[in-house]
Amino acid sequence: MLNKIQITITKSASKAIQQLLPKILKVNFINGGCAGLKWQLSVSDEKLPKYEKIKIDDCIILIHEEYTHIPFQIDYIQNLMASEFVLKISTNASCRCGISVSRRQYV
């Protein structure tokens, strides 16, 4: 099966991901959110079963093999209130809150 991975990483996210080394940023989608699936980011020490290891611009991320076809961008935002990774879903199937994507379109 040929995956068409459509994941991009901003420069600020790239710097933040590289500071995590040797840990790896893990992207997952779980049931929930107003559209059916919500994204979740965490940090992992190793490659996990059923997760693909993807290298983008000297950054390594893990994503569950079931969701490699969802187009998104990883960004890192810093302001007075917080510093955090965010996922920007690149589709009309995402909701207005920004943390959910339509299950019907991707599963």
N, C-alpha and C. Protein backbone atom coordinates (compact mmCIF):
# COMPACT_ATOMS: atom_id res chain seq x y z
N MET A 1 0.84 -1.18 0.00
CA MET A 1 0.00 0.00 0.00
C MET A 1 0.88 1.25 0.00
N LEU A 2 0.59 2.17 -0.85
CA LEU A 2 1.36 3.40 -0.96
C LEU A 2 0.67 4.50 -0.17
N ASN A 3 1.36 5.03 0.84
CA ASN A 3 0.81 6.12 1.63
C ASN A 3 1.18 7.44 1.01
N LYS A 4 0.24 8.34 0.94
CA LYS A 4 0.50 9.69 0.47
C LYS A 4 0.55 10.59 1.70
N ILE A 5 1.69 10.64 2.33
CA ILE A 5 1.85 11.40 3.56
C ILE A 5 1.91 12.88 3.23
N GLN A 6 1.00 13.64 3.82
CA GLN A 6 0.89 15.07 3.57
C GLN A 6 1.07 15.83 4.88
N ILE A 7 2.23 15.67 5.49
CA ILE A 7 2.53 16.28 6.77
C ILE A 7 3.63 17.31 6.56
N THR A 8 3.44 18.50 7.10
CA THR A 8 4.48 19.52 7.05
C THR A 8 4.78 19.99 8.47
N ILE A 9 5.95 20.57 8.64
CA ILE A 9 6.40 21.07 9.94
C ILE A 9 6.92 22.48 9.75
N THR A 10 6.45 23.43 10.57
CA THR A 10 6.94 24.81 10.48
C THR A 10 8.36 24.87 11.05
N LYS A 11 9.05 25.97 10.77
CA LYS A 11 10.42 26.14 11.29
C LYS A 11 10.45 26.15 12.80
N SER A 12 9.47 26.82 13.43
CA SER A 12 9.45 26.86 14.90
C SER A 12 9.19 25.47 15.48
N ALA A 13 8.34 24.69 14.84
CA ALA A 13 8.09 23.33 15.29
C ALA A 13 9.33 22.45 15.10
N SER A 14 10.02 22.65 13.99
CA SER A 14 11.23 21.88 13.72
C SER A 14 12.27 22.09 14.82
N LYS A 15 12.47 23.34 15.20
CA LYS A 15 13.43 23.64 16.28
C LYS A 15 13.00 22.99 17.59
N ALA A 16 11.72 23.07 17.91
CA ALA A 16 11.22 22.51 19.16
C ALA A 16 11.31 20.98 19.16
N ILE A 17 11.01 20.36 18.03
CA ILE A 17 11.09 18.90 17.93
C ILE A 17 12.54 18.45 18.10
N GLN A 18 13.48 19.16 17.51
CA GLN A 18 14.89 18.79 17.63
C GLN A 18 15.39 18.94 19.07
N GLN A 19 14.78 19.82 19.84
CA GLN A 19 15.16 19.98 21.25
C GLN A 19 14.66 18.82 22.11
N LEU A 20 13.70 18.05 21.60
CA LEU A 20 13.18 16.89 22.32
C LEU A 20 14.14 15.71 22.28
N LEU A 21 15.05 15.71 21.29
CA LEU A 21 15.93 14.56 21.10
C LEU A 21 16.57 14.14 22.41
N PRO A 22 16.70 12.86 22.68
CA PRO A 22 16.43 11.71 21.80
C PRO A 22 14.97 11.27 21.77
N LYS A 23 14.09 11.96 22.44
CA LYS A 23 12.67 11.59 22.42
C LYS A 23 12.05 11.98 21.08
N ILE A 24 10.93 11.36 20.77
CA ILE A 24 10.28 11.55 19.47
C ILE A 24 8.86 12.06 19.70
N LEU A 25 8.43 13.01 18.86
CA LEU A 25 7.06 13.52 18.93
C LEU A 25 6.12 12.49 18.31
N LYS A 26 5.08 12.12 19.06
CA LYS A 26 4.11 11.13 18.59
C LYS A 26 2.78 11.81 18.32
N VAL A 27 2.22 11.58 17.12
CA VAL A 27 0.94 12.13 16.70
C VAL A 27 -0.08 11.00 16.68
N ASN A 28 -1.22 11.23 17.30
CA ASN A 28 -2.26 10.22 17.30
C ASN A 28 -3.61 10.91 17.15
N PHE A 29 -4.58 10.17 16.68
CA PHE A 29 -5.96 10.64 16.59
C PHE A 29 -6.80 9.68 17.42
N ILE A 30 -7.64 10.21 18.29
CA ILE A 30 -8.47 9.38 19.15
C ILE A 30 -9.93 9.79 18.99
N ASN A 31 -10.83 8.90 19.38
CA ASN A 31 -12.26 9.22 19.32
C ASN A 31 -12.55 10.42 20.20
N GLY A 32 -13.33 11.35 19.66
CA GLY A 32 -13.73 12.52 20.44
C GLY A 32 -13.73 13.77 19.59
N GLY A 33 -13.97 14.88 20.24
CA GLY A 33 -14.04 16.15 19.53
C GLY A 33 -15.38 16.29 18.84
N CYS A 34 -15.68 17.47 18.40
CA CYS A 34 -17.00 17.74 17.80
C CYS A 34 -17.16 17.12 16.42
N ALA A 35 -16.07 16.75 15.74
CA ALA A 35 -16.17 16.17 14.40
C ALA A 35 -15.95 14.66 14.38
N GLY A 36 -15.56 14.07 15.51
CA GLY A 36 -15.42 12.61 15.57
C GLY A 36 -14.05 12.10 15.98
N LEU A 37 -12.98 12.75 15.49
CA LEU A 37 -11.61 12.38 15.87
C LEU A 37 -10.89 13.63 16.34
N LYS A 38 -10.18 13.54 17.45
CA LYS A 38 -9.38 14.68 17.87
C LYS A 38 -7.91 14.27 17.91
N TRP A 39 -7.06 15.24 17.61
CA TRP A 39 -5.64 14.93 17.57
C TRP A 39 -5.05 15.00 18.97
N GLN A 40 -3.96 14.28 19.14
CA GLN A 40 -3.29 14.21 20.44
C GLN A 40 -1.79 14.09 20.17
N LEU A 41 -1.00 14.90 20.85
CA LEU A 41 0.46 14.85 20.72
C LEU A 41 1.06 14.41 22.04
N SER A 42 2.10 13.60 21.95
CA SER A 42 2.82 13.18 23.14
C SER A 42 4.27 12.93 22.75
N VAL A 43 5.08 12.55 23.71
CA VAL A 43 6.50 12.30 23.47
C VAL A 43 6.77 10.83 23.77
N SER A 44 7.56 10.20 22.92
CA SER A 44 7.87 8.79 23.07
C SER A 44 9.38 8.58 23.06
N ASP A 45 9.82 7.52 23.71
CA ASP A 45 11.23 7.17 23.73
C ASP A 45 11.62 6.25 22.58
N GLU A 46 10.66 5.61 21.98
CA GLU A 46 10.99 4.61 20.97
C GLU A 46 9.87 4.45 19.97
N LYS A 47 10.17 3.74 18.89
CA LYS A 47 9.16 3.43 17.88
C LYS A 47 8.20 2.41 18.48
N LEU A 48 6.92 2.65 18.27
CA LEU A 48 5.88 1.78 18.82
C LEU A 48 5.27 0.93 17.71
N PRO A 49 4.74 -0.26 18.06
CA PRO A 49 4.07 -1.08 17.05
C PRO A 49 2.91 -0.29 16.43
N LYS A 50 2.70 -0.46 15.16
CA LYS A 50 1.64 0.18 14.38
C LYS A 50 1.84 1.69 14.19
N TYR A 51 3.00 2.20 14.54
CA TYR A 51 3.32 3.61 14.30
C TYR A 51 4.41 3.70 13.25
N GLU A 52 4.22 4.58 12.29
CA GLU A 52 5.24 4.81 11.28
C GLU A 52 6.17 5.91 11.74
N LYS A 53 7.44 5.70 11.49
CA LYS A 53 8.46 6.69 11.80
C LYS A 53 8.67 7.52 10.54
N ILE A 54 8.41 8.81 10.61
CA ILE A 54 8.48 9.68 9.45
C ILE A 54 9.52 10.76 9.69
N LYS A 55 10.41 10.93 8.71
CA LYS A 55 11.44 11.97 8.82
C LYS A 55 11.07 13.12 7.89
N ILE A 56 10.98 14.31 8.48
CA ILE A 56 10.68 15.53 7.72
C ILE A 56 11.65 16.61 8.19
N ASP A 57 12.46 17.14 7.30
CA ASP A 57 13.38 18.23 7.63
C ASP A 57 14.19 17.96 8.90
N ASP A 58 14.88 16.84 8.96
CA ASP A 58 15.71 16.46 10.11
C ASP A 58 14.91 16.23 11.39
N CYS A 59 13.62 16.14 11.30
CA CYS A 59 12.77 15.84 12.46
C CYS A 59 12.15 14.46 12.26
N ILE A 60 12.04 13.74 13.35
CA ILE A 60 11.39 12.43 13.29
C ILE A 60 10.13 12.50 14.13
N ILE A 61 9.02 12.06 13.52
CA ILE A 61 7.76 11.97 14.26
C ILE A 61 7.20 10.57 14.09
N LEU A 62 6.39 10.17 15.03
CA LEU A 62 5.68 8.91 14.94
C LEU A 62 4.21 9.21 14.69
N ILE A 63 3.58 8.47 13.79
CA ILE A 63 2.15 8.61 13.56
C ILE A 63 1.57 7.22 13.36
N HIS A 64 0.42 6.99 13.96
CA HIS A 64 -0.23 5.69 13.83
C HIS A 64 -0.51 5.43 12.36
N GLU A 65 -0.22 4.22 11.92
CA GLU A 65 -0.33 3.88 10.49
C GLU A 65 -1.73 4.11 9.94
N GLU A 66 -2.75 4.07 10.77
CA GLU A 66 -4.13 4.27 10.33
C GLU A 66 -4.41 5.72 9.91
N TYR A 67 -3.56 6.66 10.35
CA TYR A 67 -3.85 8.08 10.13
C TYR A 67 -2.80 8.82 9.31
N THR A 68 -1.92 8.11 8.63
CA THR A 68 -0.88 8.77 7.85
C THR A 68 -1.43 9.53 6.65
N HIS A 69 -2.65 9.28 6.27
CA HIS A 69 -3.25 9.93 5.10
C HIS A 69 -3.96 11.25 5.45
N ILE A 70 -4.07 11.61 6.71
CA ILE A 70 -4.71 12.87 7.09
C ILE A 70 -3.70 14.00 6.90
N PRO A 71 -4.02 14.99 6.07
CA PRO A 71 -3.07 16.10 5.83
C PRO A 71 -3.08 17.09 7.00
N PHE A 72 -1.90 17.38 7.54
CA PHE A 72 -1.82 18.36 8.62
C PHE A 72 -0.44 19.00 8.68
N GLN A 73 -0.37 20.08 9.43
CA GLN A 73 0.88 20.80 9.67
C GLN A 73 1.10 20.84 11.18
N ILE A 74 2.35 20.59 11.59
CA ILE A 74 2.71 20.72 13.00
C ILE A 74 3.35 22.09 13.17
N ASP A 75 2.86 22.84 14.14
CA ASP A 75 3.41 24.16 14.44
C ASP A 75 3.75 24.20 15.93
N TYR A 76 4.59 25.15 16.30
CA TYR A 76 4.94 25.36 17.69
C TYR A 76 4.71 26.83 17.99
N ILE A 77 3.86 27.09 18.96
CA ILE A 77 3.47 28.46 19.27
C ILE A 77 3.96 28.83 20.66
N GLN A 78 4.54 30.02 20.75
CA GLN A 78 4.98 30.55 22.05
C GLN A 78 4.38 31.93 22.23
N ASN A 79 3.76 32.16 23.38
CA ASN A 79 3.27 33.49 23.73
C ASN A 79 3.32 33.64 25.24
N LEU A 80 2.76 34.68 25.77
CA LEU A 80 2.81 34.91 27.22
C LEU A 80 2.06 33.84 28.01
N MET A 81 1.06 33.24 27.41
CA MET A 81 0.22 32.29 28.12
C MET A 81 0.71 30.84 28.02
N ALA A 82 1.36 30.49 26.93
CA ALA A 82 1.74 29.09 26.75
C ALA A 82 2.78 28.92 25.65
N SER A 83 3.40 27.79 25.66
CA SER A 83 4.22 27.35 24.53
C SER A 83 3.80 25.90 24.28
N GLU A 84 3.40 25.63 23.03
CA GLU A 84 2.85 24.31 22.76
C GLU A 84 2.91 23.96 21.28
N PHE A 85 2.91 22.66 21.03
CA PHE A 85 2.75 22.17 19.67
C PHE A 85 1.27 22.20 19.34
N VAL A 86 0.95 22.54 18.11
CA VAL A 86 -0.44 22.48 17.64
C VAL A 86 -0.46 21.81 16.27
N LEU A 87 -1.55 21.16 15.99
CA LEU A 87 -1.76 20.55 14.69
C LEU A 87 -2.77 21.39 13.94
N LYS A 88 -2.47 21.70 12.70
CA LYS A 88 -3.40 22.43 11.85
C LYS A 88 -3.82 21.46 10.76
N ILE A 89 -5.07 21.02 10.84
CA ILE A 89 -5.59 20.06 9.88
C ILE A 89 -5.82 20.78 8.56
N SER A 90 -5.29 20.25 7.48
CA SER A 90 -5.35 20.88 6.16
C SER A 90 -6.52 20.35 5.34
N THR A 91 -7.72 20.52 5.86
CA THR A 91 -8.88 19.99 5.16
C THR A 91 -10.13 20.72 5.59
N ASN A 92 -11.14 20.65 4.78
CA ASN A 92 -12.44 21.22 5.13
C ASN A 92 -13.18 20.34 6.14
N ALA A 93 -12.65 19.15 6.41
CA ALA A 93 -13.31 18.23 7.33
C ALA A 93 -12.99 18.52 8.79
N SER A 94 -12.16 19.53 9.06
CA SER A 94 -11.86 19.85 10.45
C SER A 94 -12.94 20.77 10.99
N CYS A 95 -13.02 20.84 12.29
CA CYS A 95 -14.05 21.66 12.91
C CYS A 95 -13.49 23.03 13.24
N ARG A 96 -14.33 23.88 13.75
CA ARG A 96 -13.90 25.25 14.07
C ARG A 96 -13.00 25.32 15.29
N CYS A 97 -13.11 24.36 16.20
CA CYS A 97 -12.27 24.42 17.41
C CYS A 97 -10.81 24.12 17.09
N GLY A 98 -10.56 23.47 15.95
CA GLY A 98 -9.19 23.21 15.53
C GLY A 98 -8.56 21.95 16.08
N ILE A 99 -9.28 21.19 16.91
CA ILE A 99 -8.68 19.97 17.46
C ILE A 99 -9.38 18.70 16.99
N SER A 100 -10.30 18.84 16.06
CA SER A 100 -11.08 17.69 15.66
C SER A 100 -11.18 17.61 14.13
N VAL A 101 -11.33 16.39 13.64
CA VAL A 101 -11.45 16.15 12.20
C VAL A 101 -12.55 15.12 11.99
N SER A 102 -13.20 15.18 10.85
CA SER A 102 -14.32 14.30 10.57
C SER A 102 -13.88 12.85 10.44
N ARG A 103 -14.48 11.99 11.22
CA ARG A 103 -14.21 10.57 11.15
C ARG A 103 -14.67 9.99 9.82
N ARG A 104 -15.79 10.44 9.31
CA ARG A 104 -16.33 9.91 8.05
C ARG A 104 -15.39 10.10 6.89
N GLN A 105 -14.67 11.19 6.85
CA GLN A 105 -13.80 11.46 5.71
C GLN A 105 -12.51 10.63 5.75
N TYR A 106 -12.04 10.26 6.93
CA TYR A 106 -10.72 9.65 7.02
C TYR A 106 -10.65 8.22 7.52
N VAL A 107 -11.73 7.66 8.02
CA VAL A 107 -11.64 6.30 8.55
C VAL A 107 -12.53 5.39 7.75
